[in-house]
């Protein structure tokens, strides 16, 4: 899953396409469901630009292993269903995002053992090959009680709107054009 950001994440999509292509013709039968967002469409049978939330939840729950970008909501969704996600953070030097917040976030979670941090194609190949042999190494205790990241985002947006309305009512302008 590359998320829904408008920036393309062709680097990860290409890595996954090359990994899958190298294994699909051999003894390993691998089904790769890839939600590629606004990235260049890959030549993979189960690749789709976007999945509805319910479809995405089902795909995550049915997956043996989850690979995703470094978005907090995506990581939370994976962990809620018992996955130790393989996380490839977007890199602004490749124009995959506006800043390095995904790298900082994913590195912190990687250091805490909450994700499998991957920053190179070789590391992704190694992690995925390990997952083929032992998918249990990429499982954690499911925690369905983790807050739904969509609800947390809605609450935060509500707080921002309330702050802006309060500032406007008091005559203070916080944002300048």
N, C-alpha and C. Protein backbone atom coordinates (compact mmCIF):
# COMPACT_ATOMS: atom_id res chain seq x y z
N UNK A 1 0.85 -1.18 0.00
CA UNK A 1 0.00 0.00 0.00
C UNK A 1 0.89 1.23 0.00
N UNK A 2 0.62 2.12 -0.94
CA UNK A 2 1.40 3.35 -1.00
C UNK A 2 0.61 4.55 -0.47
N UNK A 3 -0.61 4.31 -0.01
CA UNK A 3 -1.42 5.41 0.51
C UNK A 3 -2.13 6.17 -0.59
N UNK A 4 -2.66 7.32 -0.21
CA UNK A 4 -3.46 8.11 -1.14
C UNK A 4 -2.83 9.46 -1.46
N UNK A 5 -1.59 9.65 -1.10
CA UNK A 5 -0.91 10.92 -1.37
C UNK A 5 -0.82 11.16 -2.87
N UNK A 6 -0.84 12.43 -3.26
CA UNK A 6 -0.78 12.77 -4.69
C UNK A 6 0.60 12.54 -5.29
N UNK A 7 1.61 12.45 -4.45
CA UNK A 7 2.96 12.19 -4.94
C UNK A 7 3.10 10.72 -5.35
N UNK A 8 3.76 10.50 -6.46
CA UNK A 8 3.98 9.13 -6.92
C UNK A 8 5.03 8.45 -6.04
N UNK A 9 4.89 7.14 -5.92
CA UNK A 9 5.86 6.35 -5.17
C UNK A 9 6.35 5.22 -6.07
N UNK A 10 6.83 5.63 -7.25
CA UNK A 10 7.29 4.68 -8.26
C UNK A 10 8.46 3.83 -7.78
N UNK A 11 9.25 4.34 -6.88
CA UNK A 11 10.40 3.59 -6.36
C UNK A 11 9.92 2.30 -5.70
N UNK A 12 8.99 2.40 -4.76
CA UNK A 12 8.48 1.20 -4.08
C UNK A 12 7.70 0.31 -5.05
N UNK A 13 6.87 0.90 -5.88
CA UNK A 13 6.10 0.12 -6.84
C UNK A 13 7.03 -0.68 -7.76
N UNK A 14 8.09 -0.05 -8.24
CA UNK A 14 9.07 -0.73 -9.09
C UNK A 14 9.78 -1.85 -8.35
N UNK A 15 10.16 -1.60 -7.12
CA UNK A 15 10.83 -2.64 -6.33
C UNK A 15 9.92 -3.87 -6.20
N UNK A 16 8.64 -3.61 -5.87
CA UNK A 16 7.70 -4.72 -5.70
C UNK A 16 7.47 -5.45 -7.01
N UNK A 17 7.35 -4.71 -8.10
CA UNK A 17 7.13 -5.33 -9.41
C UNK A 17 8.32 -6.22 -9.78
N UNK A 18 9.52 -5.74 -9.58
CA UNK A 18 10.71 -6.54 -9.90
C UNK A 18 10.80 -7.78 -9.01
N UNK A 19 10.51 -7.62 -7.72
CA UNK A 19 10.56 -8.76 -6.80
C UNK A 19 9.54 -9.81 -7.21
N UNK A 20 8.31 -9.39 -7.47
CA UNK A 20 7.24 -10.32 -7.83
C UNK A 20 7.56 -11.02 -9.15
N UNK A 21 8.02 -10.27 -10.14
CA UNK A 21 8.34 -10.84 -11.45
C UNK A 21 9.42 -11.91 -11.33
N UNK A 22 10.40 -11.69 -10.47
CA UNK A 22 11.48 -12.65 -10.28
C UNK A 22 10.99 -13.94 -9.63
N UNK A 23 9.90 -13.88 -8.90
CA UNK A 23 9.41 -15.06 -8.18
C UNK A 23 8.21 -15.72 -8.83
N UNK A 24 7.41 -14.98 -9.57
CA UNK A 24 6.16 -15.52 -10.12
C UNK A 24 6.38 -16.65 -11.10
N UNK A 25 7.48 -16.60 -11.87
CA UNK A 25 7.73 -17.63 -12.86
C UNK A 25 8.36 -18.88 -12.29
N UNK A 26 8.80 -18.81 -11.04
CA UNK A 26 9.47 -19.96 -10.44
C UNK A 26 8.53 -20.82 -9.62
N UNK A 27 9.11 -21.57 -8.70
CA UNK A 27 8.32 -22.47 -7.87
C UNK A 27 7.45 -21.71 -6.87
N UNK A 28 7.84 -20.52 -6.55
CA UNK A 28 7.08 -19.72 -5.58
C UNK A 28 5.87 -19.10 -6.26
N UNK A 29 4.71 -19.46 -5.83
CA UNK A 29 3.49 -18.83 -6.33
C UNK A 29 3.10 -17.74 -5.33
N UNK A 30 3.25 -16.51 -5.76
CA UNK A 30 3.04 -15.37 -4.87
C UNK A 30 1.94 -14.50 -5.45
N UNK A 31 0.93 -14.24 -4.64
CA UNK A 31 -0.10 -13.27 -5.04
C UNK A 31 0.25 -11.95 -4.38
N UNK A 32 0.38 -10.93 -5.18
CA UNK A 32 0.72 -9.60 -4.69
C UNK A 32 -0.42 -8.65 -5.03
N UNK A 33 -1.13 -8.21 -4.00
CA UNK A 33 -2.18 -7.20 -4.18
C UNK A 33 -1.50 -5.87 -3.91
N UNK A 34 -1.48 -5.01 -4.91
CA UNK A 34 -0.76 -3.75 -4.78
C UNK A 34 -1.69 -2.58 -5.00
N UNK A 35 -1.84 -1.75 -3.98
CA UNK A 35 -2.58 -0.49 -4.08
C UNK A 35 -1.51 0.55 -4.37
N UNK A 36 -1.45 1.03 -5.63
CA UNK A 36 -0.33 1.87 -6.06
C UNK A 36 -0.62 3.36 -6.10
N UNK A 37 -1.83 3.78 -5.76
CA UNK A 37 -2.14 5.20 -5.68
C UNK A 37 -1.94 5.94 -6.99
N UNK A 38 -1.26 7.07 -6.92
CA UNK A 38 -1.02 7.89 -8.11
C UNK A 38 0.29 7.54 -8.80
N UNK A 39 0.92 6.45 -8.39
CA UNK A 39 2.17 5.99 -9.02
C UNK A 39 1.90 5.47 -10.42
N UNK A 40 2.96 5.28 -11.18
CA UNK A 40 2.83 4.69 -12.51
C UNK A 40 2.26 3.28 -12.36
N UNK A 41 1.21 2.94 -13.11
CA UNK A 41 0.62 1.60 -12.96
C UNK A 41 1.63 0.50 -13.31
N UNK A 42 1.80 -0.47 -12.41
CA UNK A 42 2.74 -1.56 -12.68
C UNK A 42 2.09 -2.65 -13.52
N UNK A 43 2.91 -3.52 -14.06
CA UNK A 43 2.43 -4.65 -14.84
C UNK A 43 2.26 -5.85 -13.90
N UNK A 44 1.25 -5.77 -13.04
CA UNK A 44 0.96 -6.81 -12.08
C UNK A 44 -0.54 -7.13 -12.13
N UNK A 45 -0.91 -8.40 -12.01
CA UNK A 45 -2.32 -8.77 -12.18
C UNK A 45 -3.26 -8.21 -11.11
N UNK A 46 -2.82 -8.06 -9.88
CA UNK A 46 -3.70 -7.60 -8.80
C UNK A 46 -3.34 -6.20 -8.32
N UNK A 47 -2.92 -5.35 -9.23
CA UNK A 47 -2.58 -3.97 -8.89
C UNK A 47 -3.76 -3.06 -9.20
N UNK A 48 -4.09 -2.21 -8.24
CA UNK A 48 -5.20 -1.26 -8.41
C UNK A 48 -4.76 0.09 -7.88
N UNK A 49 -5.27 1.18 -8.47
CA UNK A 49 -4.85 2.49 -7.96
C UNK A 49 -5.32 2.73 -6.53
N UNK A 50 -6.57 2.42 -6.25
CA UNK A 50 -7.11 2.66 -4.91
C UNK A 50 -8.10 1.57 -4.55
N UNK A 51 -8.18 1.28 -3.28
CA UNK A 51 -9.18 0.35 -2.76
C UNK A 51 -10.08 1.12 -1.81
N UNK A 52 -11.37 0.83 -1.85
CA UNK A 52 -12.28 1.40 -0.87
C UNK A 52 -11.84 0.93 0.52
N UNK A 53 -12.17 1.69 1.54
CA UNK A 53 -11.68 1.37 2.88
C UNK A 53 -12.00 -0.06 3.29
N UNK A 54 -13.21 -0.51 3.01
CA UNK A 54 -13.60 -1.88 3.40
C UNK A 54 -12.77 -2.91 2.64
N UNK A 55 -12.53 -2.67 1.35
CA UNK A 55 -11.71 -3.58 0.55
C UNK A 55 -10.27 -3.60 1.07
N UNK A 56 -9.78 -2.43 1.43
CA UNK A 56 -8.42 -2.34 1.96
C UNK A 56 -8.31 -3.10 3.27
N UNK A 57 -9.30 -2.95 4.14
CA UNK A 57 -9.30 -3.67 5.41
C UNK A 57 -9.30 -5.18 5.17
N UNK A 58 -10.10 -5.62 4.22
CA UNK A 58 -10.17 -7.05 3.91
C UNK A 58 -8.82 -7.54 3.36
N UNK A 59 -8.22 -6.77 2.46
CA UNK A 59 -6.92 -7.15 1.89
C UNK A 59 -5.86 -7.25 2.98
N UNK A 60 -5.85 -6.29 3.90
CA UNK A 60 -4.88 -6.32 4.99
C UNK A 60 -5.10 -7.55 5.86
N UNK A 61 -6.36 -7.81 6.22
CA UNK A 61 -6.67 -8.95 7.09
C UNK A 61 -6.30 -10.28 6.44
N UNK A 62 -6.45 -10.38 5.12
CA UNK A 62 -6.17 -11.63 4.41
C UNK A 62 -4.71 -11.80 4.05
N UNK A 63 -3.93 -10.73 4.13
CA UNK A 63 -2.53 -10.78 3.72
C UNK A 63 -1.67 -11.61 4.67
N UNK A 64 -0.69 -12.27 4.09
CA UNK A 64 0.33 -12.94 4.91
C UNK A 64 1.33 -11.92 5.42
N UNK A 65 1.63 -10.94 4.57
CA UNK A 65 2.61 -9.89 4.89
C UNK A 65 2.10 -8.58 4.31
N UNK A 66 2.35 -7.50 5.02
CA UNK A 66 1.95 -6.16 4.56
C UNK A 66 3.19 -5.32 4.32
N UNK A 67 3.25 -4.71 3.14
CA UNK A 67 4.30 -3.75 2.79
C UNK A 67 3.59 -2.43 2.58
N UNK A 68 4.11 -1.36 3.19
CA UNK A 68 3.43 -0.08 3.05
C UNK A 68 4.41 1.08 3.13
N UNK A 69 3.89 2.25 2.78
CA UNK A 69 4.66 3.48 2.93
C UNK A 69 4.69 3.82 4.43
N UNK A 70 5.31 4.93 4.78
CA UNK A 70 5.49 5.28 6.18
C UNK A 70 4.39 6.13 6.78
N UNK A 71 3.19 6.06 6.24
CA UNK A 71 2.07 6.83 6.77
C UNK A 71 1.58 6.25 8.09
N UNK A 72 1.42 7.07 9.12
CA UNK A 72 0.97 6.57 10.42
C UNK A 72 -0.35 5.81 10.37
N UNK A 73 -1.32 6.29 9.60
CA UNK A 73 -2.61 5.60 9.54
C UNK A 73 -2.46 4.22 8.92
N UNK A 74 -1.68 4.11 7.87
CA UNK A 74 -1.48 2.83 7.20
C UNK A 74 -0.77 1.84 8.13
N UNK A 75 0.24 2.31 8.82
CA UNK A 75 0.97 1.46 9.76
C UNK A 75 0.03 1.00 10.87
N UNK A 76 -0.77 1.90 11.40
CA UNK A 76 -1.71 1.56 12.47
C UNK A 76 -2.70 0.51 11.98
N UNK A 77 -3.23 0.69 10.77
CA UNK A 77 -4.18 -0.29 10.21
C UNK A 77 -3.53 -1.67 10.15
N UNK A 78 -2.30 -1.75 9.70
CA UNK A 78 -1.62 -3.04 9.61
C UNK A 78 -1.43 -3.66 10.99
N UNK A 79 -1.00 -2.88 11.95
CA UNK A 79 -0.75 -3.42 13.30
C UNK A 79 -2.05 -3.82 13.99
N UNK A 80 -3.13 -3.11 13.71
CA UNK A 80 -4.42 -3.46 14.31
C UNK A 80 -4.83 -4.88 13.94
N UNK A 81 -4.44 -5.33 12.75
CA UNK A 81 -4.82 -6.66 12.29
C UNK A 81 -3.75 -7.71 12.51
N UNK A 82 -2.71 -7.37 13.27
CA UNK A 82 -1.70 -8.36 13.64
C UNK A 82 -0.49 -8.45 12.74
N UNK A 83 -0.25 -7.43 11.94
CA UNK A 83 0.92 -7.44 11.06
C UNK A 83 2.04 -6.57 11.62
N UNK A 84 3.26 -7.08 11.48
CA UNK A 84 4.45 -6.26 11.65
C UNK A 84 4.77 -5.79 10.24
N UNK A 85 4.34 -4.58 9.88
CA UNK A 85 4.47 -4.18 8.48
C UNK A 85 5.92 -3.92 8.07
N UNK A 86 6.19 -4.25 6.82
CA UNK A 86 7.45 -3.87 6.19
C UNK A 86 7.20 -2.45 5.67
N UNK A 87 7.93 -1.49 6.20
CA UNK A 87 7.66 -0.08 5.91
C UNK A 87 8.80 0.53 5.10
N UNK A 88 8.42 1.10 3.96
CA UNK A 88 9.34 1.85 3.11
C UNK A 88 8.88 3.31 3.15
N UNK A 89 9.58 4.16 3.89
CA UNK A 89 9.13 5.56 3.96
C UNK A 89 9.39 6.30 2.65
N UNK A 90 8.47 7.18 2.34
CA UNK A 90 8.65 8.05 1.16
C UNK A 90 9.84 8.97 1.39
N UNK A 91 10.56 9.28 0.34
CA UNK A 91 11.77 10.09 0.42
C UNK A 91 11.57 11.37 -0.40
N UNK A 92 11.65 12.54 0.24
CA UNK A 92 11.43 13.79 -0.51
C UNK A 92 12.50 14.06 -1.57
N UNK A 93 13.68 13.46 -1.44
CA UNK A 93 14.71 13.69 -2.46
C UNK A 93 14.30 13.08 -3.80
N UNK A 94 13.35 12.13 -3.77
CA UNK A 94 12.82 11.54 -5.00
C UNK A 94 11.45 12.14 -5.35
N UNK A 95 11.09 13.21 -4.68
CA UNK A 95 9.81 13.89 -4.89
C UNK A 95 8.62 12.99 -4.55
N UNK A 96 8.81 12.13 -3.54
CA UNK A 96 7.75 11.22 -3.11
C UNK A 96 6.89 11.84 -2.01
N UNK A 97 7.37 12.94 -1.46
CA UNK A 97 6.63 13.65 -0.42
C UNK A 97 7.23 15.04 -0.28
N UNK A 98 6.57 15.87 0.52
CA UNK A 98 7.03 17.26 0.66
C UNK A 98 8.15 17.43 1.68
N UNK A 99 8.27 16.48 2.61
CA UNK A 99 9.32 16.55 3.62
C UNK A 99 9.69 15.14 4.08
N UNK A 100 10.54 15.07 5.09
CA UNK A 100 11.06 13.76 5.51
C UNK A 100 10.33 13.18 6.73
N UNK A 101 9.10 13.61 6.98
CA UNK A 101 8.42 13.14 8.19
C UNK A 101 8.20 11.62 8.18
N UNK A 102 7.96 11.02 7.01
CA UNK A 102 7.79 9.57 6.99
C UNK A 102 9.08 8.85 7.35
N UNK A 103 10.20 9.37 6.89
CA UNK A 103 11.48 8.75 7.23
C UNK A 103 11.73 8.83 8.74
N UNK A 104 11.50 9.99 9.32
CA UNK A 104 11.72 10.16 10.76
C UNK A 104 10.80 9.25 11.55
N UNK A 105 9.53 9.22 11.18
CA UNK A 105 8.54 8.40 11.88
C UNK A 105 8.86 6.92 11.75
N UNK A 106 9.12 6.46 10.53
CA UNK A 106 9.39 5.04 10.30
C UNK A 106 10.69 4.60 10.99
N UNK A 107 11.69 5.45 10.98
CA UNK A 107 12.95 5.10 11.66
C UNK A 107 12.75 4.96 13.16
N UNK A 108 11.94 5.82 13.72
CA UNK A 108 11.65 5.72 15.16
C UNK A 108 10.91 4.42 15.46
N UNK A 109 9.89 4.10 14.65
CA UNK A 109 9.15 2.86 14.86
C UNK A 109 10.03 1.64 14.60
N UNK A 110 10.90 1.73 13.61
CA UNK A 110 11.81 0.63 13.33
C UNK A 110 12.75 0.37 14.50
N UNK A 111 13.28 1.44 15.08
CA UNK A 111 14.18 1.30 16.23
C UNK A 111 13.45 0.69 17.43
N UNK A 112 12.14 0.93 17.53
CA UNK A 112 11.35 0.39 18.64
C UNK A 112 10.82 -1.02 18.33
N UNK A 113 11.12 -1.55 17.13
CA UNK A 113 10.67 -2.88 16.76
C UNK A 113 9.19 -2.94 16.38
N UNK A 114 8.59 -1.81 16.09
CA UNK A 114 7.16 -1.77 15.77
C UNK A 114 6.89 -1.95 14.27
N UNK A 115 7.91 -1.81 13.46
CA UNK A 115 7.82 -2.04 12.01
C UNK A 115 9.13 -2.65 11.57
N UNK A 116 9.12 -3.25 10.38
CA UNK A 116 10.36 -3.69 9.75
C UNK A 116 10.73 -2.59 8.77
N UNK A 117 11.68 -1.75 9.14
CA UNK A 117 12.09 -0.61 8.32
C UNK A 117 12.94 -1.08 7.15
N UNK A 118 12.58 -0.62 5.96
CA UNK A 118 13.31 -0.97 4.74
C UNK A 118 13.54 0.33 3.96
N UNK A 119 14.81 0.58 3.60
CA UNK A 119 15.11 1.81 2.86
C UNK A 119 15.84 1.56 1.55
N UNK A 120 16.11 0.28 1.25
CA UNK A 120 16.76 -0.05 -0.02
C UNK A 120 16.03 -1.22 -0.67
N UNK A 121 16.20 -1.35 -1.97
CA UNK A 121 15.58 -2.47 -2.68
C UNK A 121 16.13 -3.79 -2.17
N UNK A 122 17.42 -3.85 -1.90
CA UNK A 122 18.03 -5.09 -1.40
C UNK A 122 17.41 -5.50 -0.06
N UNK A 123 17.18 -4.53 0.82
CA UNK A 123 16.55 -4.83 2.11
C UNK A 123 15.11 -5.29 1.94
N UNK A 124 14.41 -4.71 0.96
CA UNK A 124 13.03 -5.15 0.71
C UNK A 124 13.03 -6.59 0.21
N UNK A 125 13.89 -6.90 -0.74
CA UNK A 125 13.98 -8.26 -1.27
C UNK A 125 14.30 -9.24 -0.14
N UNK A 126 15.25 -8.88 0.70
CA UNK A 126 15.61 -9.75 1.83
C UNK A 126 14.42 -9.98 2.76
N UNK A 127 13.69 -8.90 3.09
CA UNK A 127 12.54 -9.02 3.99
C UNK A 127 11.43 -9.85 3.37
N UNK A 128 11.13 -9.62 2.09
CA UNK A 128 10.07 -10.37 1.44
C UNK A 128 10.44 -11.84 1.28
N UNK A 129 11.69 -12.11 0.96
CA UNK A 129 12.12 -13.50 0.85
C UNK A 129 12.03 -14.19 2.21
N UNK A 130 12.37 -13.49 3.25
CA UNK A 130 12.23 -14.05 4.60
C UNK A 130 10.76 -14.32 4.91
N UNK A 131 9.89 -13.40 4.48
CA UNK A 131 8.46 -13.56 4.73
C UNK A 131 7.90 -14.78 4.00
N UNK A 132 8.45 -15.10 2.83
CA UNK A 132 8.00 -16.30 2.11
C UNK A 132 8.32 -17.56 2.91
N UNK A 133 9.46 -17.56 3.57
CA UNK A 133 9.89 -18.72 4.36
C UNK A 133 9.18 -18.76 5.70
N UNK A 134 9.05 -17.62 6.36
CA UNK A 134 8.47 -17.57 7.70
C UNK A 134 7.58 -16.34 7.87
N UNK A 135 6.35 -16.38 7.37
CA UNK A 135 5.48 -15.22 7.49
C UNK A 135 5.16 -14.85 8.94
N UNK A 136 5.31 -15.82 9.85
CA UNK A 136 5.05 -15.52 11.28
C UNK A 136 6.02 -14.50 11.84
N UNK A 137 7.17 -14.35 11.21
CA UNK A 137 8.14 -13.35 11.66
C UNK A 137 7.62 -11.94 11.44
N UNK A 138 6.55 -11.82 10.65
CA UNK A 138 5.98 -10.51 10.34
C UNK A 138 4.59 -10.36 10.94
N UNK A 139 4.37 -11.06 12.05
CA UNK A 139 3.10 -10.98 12.76
C UNK A 139 3.34 -10.44 14.17
N UNK A 140 2.36 -9.73 14.66
CA UNK A 140 2.35 -9.27 16.04
C UNK A 140 0.98 -9.60 16.60
N UNK A 141 0.81 -9.44 17.88
CA UNK A 141 -0.50 -9.66 18.48
C UNK A 141 -1.44 -8.58 17.93
N UNK A 142 -2.54 -9.03 17.34
CA UNK A 142 -3.51 -8.08 16.79
C UNK A 142 -4.04 -7.20 17.92
N UNK A 143 -4.22 -5.93 17.62
CA UNK A 143 -4.73 -5.00 18.61
C UNK A 143 -5.87 -4.18 18.01
N UNK A 144 -7.06 -4.83 17.90
CA UNK A 144 -8.19 -4.13 17.29
C UNK A 144 -8.66 -2.92 18.11
N UNK A 145 -8.15 -2.79 19.34
CA UNK A 145 -8.54 -1.65 20.17
C UNK A 145 -7.70 -0.41 19.91
N UNK A 146 -6.68 -0.54 19.04
CA UNK A 146 -5.96 0.68 18.65
C UNK A 146 -6.96 1.64 18.04
N UNK A 147 -6.81 2.92 18.29
CA UNK A 147 -7.79 3.86 17.71
C UNK A 147 -7.78 3.81 16.19
N UNK A 148 -8.96 3.92 15.63
CA UNK A 148 -9.09 3.98 14.17
C UNK A 148 -8.42 5.27 13.72
N UNK A 149 -7.40 5.21 12.87
CA UNK A 149 -6.69 6.42 12.48
C UNK A 149 -7.58 7.43 11.77
N UNK A 150 -8.65 6.96 11.11
CA UNK A 150 -9.56 7.90 10.46
C UNK A 150 -10.29 8.74 11.51
N UNK A 151 -10.68 8.10 12.62
CA UNK A 151 -11.37 8.83 13.68
C UNK A 151 -10.44 9.86 14.31
N UNK A 152 -9.19 9.46 14.55
CA UNK A 152 -8.22 10.40 15.14
C UNK A 152 -7.99 11.58 14.20
N UNK A 153 -7.92 11.33 12.91
CA UNK A 153 -7.73 12.41 11.95
C UNK A 153 -8.93 13.35 11.94
N UNK A 154 -10.12 12.78 12.02
CA UNK A 154 -11.33 13.61 12.03
C UNK A 154 -11.37 14.50 13.28
N UNK A 155 -10.97 13.93 14.41
CA UNK A 155 -10.93 14.73 15.64
C UNK A 155 -9.92 15.86 15.49
N UNK A 156 -8.75 15.57 14.94
CA UNK A 156 -7.72 16.60 14.77
C UNK A 156 -8.17 17.70 13.82
N UNK A 157 -8.81 17.34 12.72
CA UNK A 157 -9.34 18.34 11.79
C UNK A 157 -10.36 19.22 12.51
N UNK A 158 -11.21 18.59 13.29
CA UNK A 158 -12.20 19.36 14.06
C UNK A 158 -11.54 20.35 15.00
N UNK A 159 -10.46 19.94 15.67
CA UNK A 159 -9.74 20.84 16.57
C UNK A 159 -9.13 22.00 15.81
N UNK A 160 -8.57 21.73 14.65
CA UNK A 160 -7.97 22.80 13.84
C UNK A 160 -9.03 23.79 13.40
N UNK A 161 -10.17 23.29 12.94
CA UNK A 161 -11.25 24.18 12.51
C UNK A 161 -11.74 25.03 13.68
N UNK A 162 -11.93 24.41 14.85
CA UNK A 162 -12.36 25.17 16.02
C UNK A 162 -11.35 26.26 16.39
N UNK A 163 -10.06 25.93 16.33
CA UNK A 163 -9.02 26.92 16.62
C UNK A 163 -9.06 28.08 15.64
N UNK A 164 -9.23 27.76 14.34
CA UNK A 164 -9.29 28.80 13.33
C UNK A 164 -10.51 29.69 13.51
N UNK A 165 -11.65 29.09 13.82
CA UNK A 165 -12.87 29.87 14.06
C UNK A 165 -12.70 30.76 15.28
N UNK A 166 -12.13 30.22 16.34
CA UNK A 166 -11.89 30.99 17.56
C UNK A 166 -10.94 32.17 17.29
N UNK A 167 -9.88 31.91 16.53
CA UNK A 167 -8.94 32.97 16.19
C UNK A 167 -9.60 34.04 15.33
N UNK A 168 -10.42 33.62 14.40
CA UNK A 168 -11.12 34.57 13.52
C UNK A 168 -12.07 35.44 14.34
N UNK A 169 -12.78 34.79 15.29
CA UNK A 169 -13.74 35.52 16.12
C UNK A 169 -13.04 36.53 17.03
N UNK A 170 -11.81 36.21 17.43
CA UNK A 170 -11.08 37.12 18.33
C UNK A 170 -10.36 38.21 17.55
N UNK A 171 -10.41 38.14 16.22
CA UNK A 171 -9.77 39.17 15.39
C UNK A 171 -8.31 38.90 15.10
N UNK A 172 -7.77 37.81 15.61
CA UNK A 172 -6.37 37.46 15.33
C UNK A 172 -6.30 36.64 14.06
N UNK A 173 -5.35 36.98 13.21
CA UNK A 173 -5.11 36.18 12.01
C UNK A 173 -3.84 35.38 12.20
N UNK A 174 -3.98 34.11 12.07
CA UNK A 174 -2.83 33.24 12.24
C UNK A 174 -2.14 32.99 10.89
N UNK A 175 -2.90 32.91 9.83
CA UNK A 175 -2.35 32.56 8.52
C UNK A 175 -2.27 33.81 7.65
N UNK A 176 -1.17 33.95 6.97
CA UNK A 176 -1.00 35.05 6.03
C UNK A 176 -0.87 34.50 4.64
N UNK A 177 -1.29 35.29 3.69
CA UNK A 177 -1.17 34.85 2.28
C UNK A 177 0.09 35.36 1.69
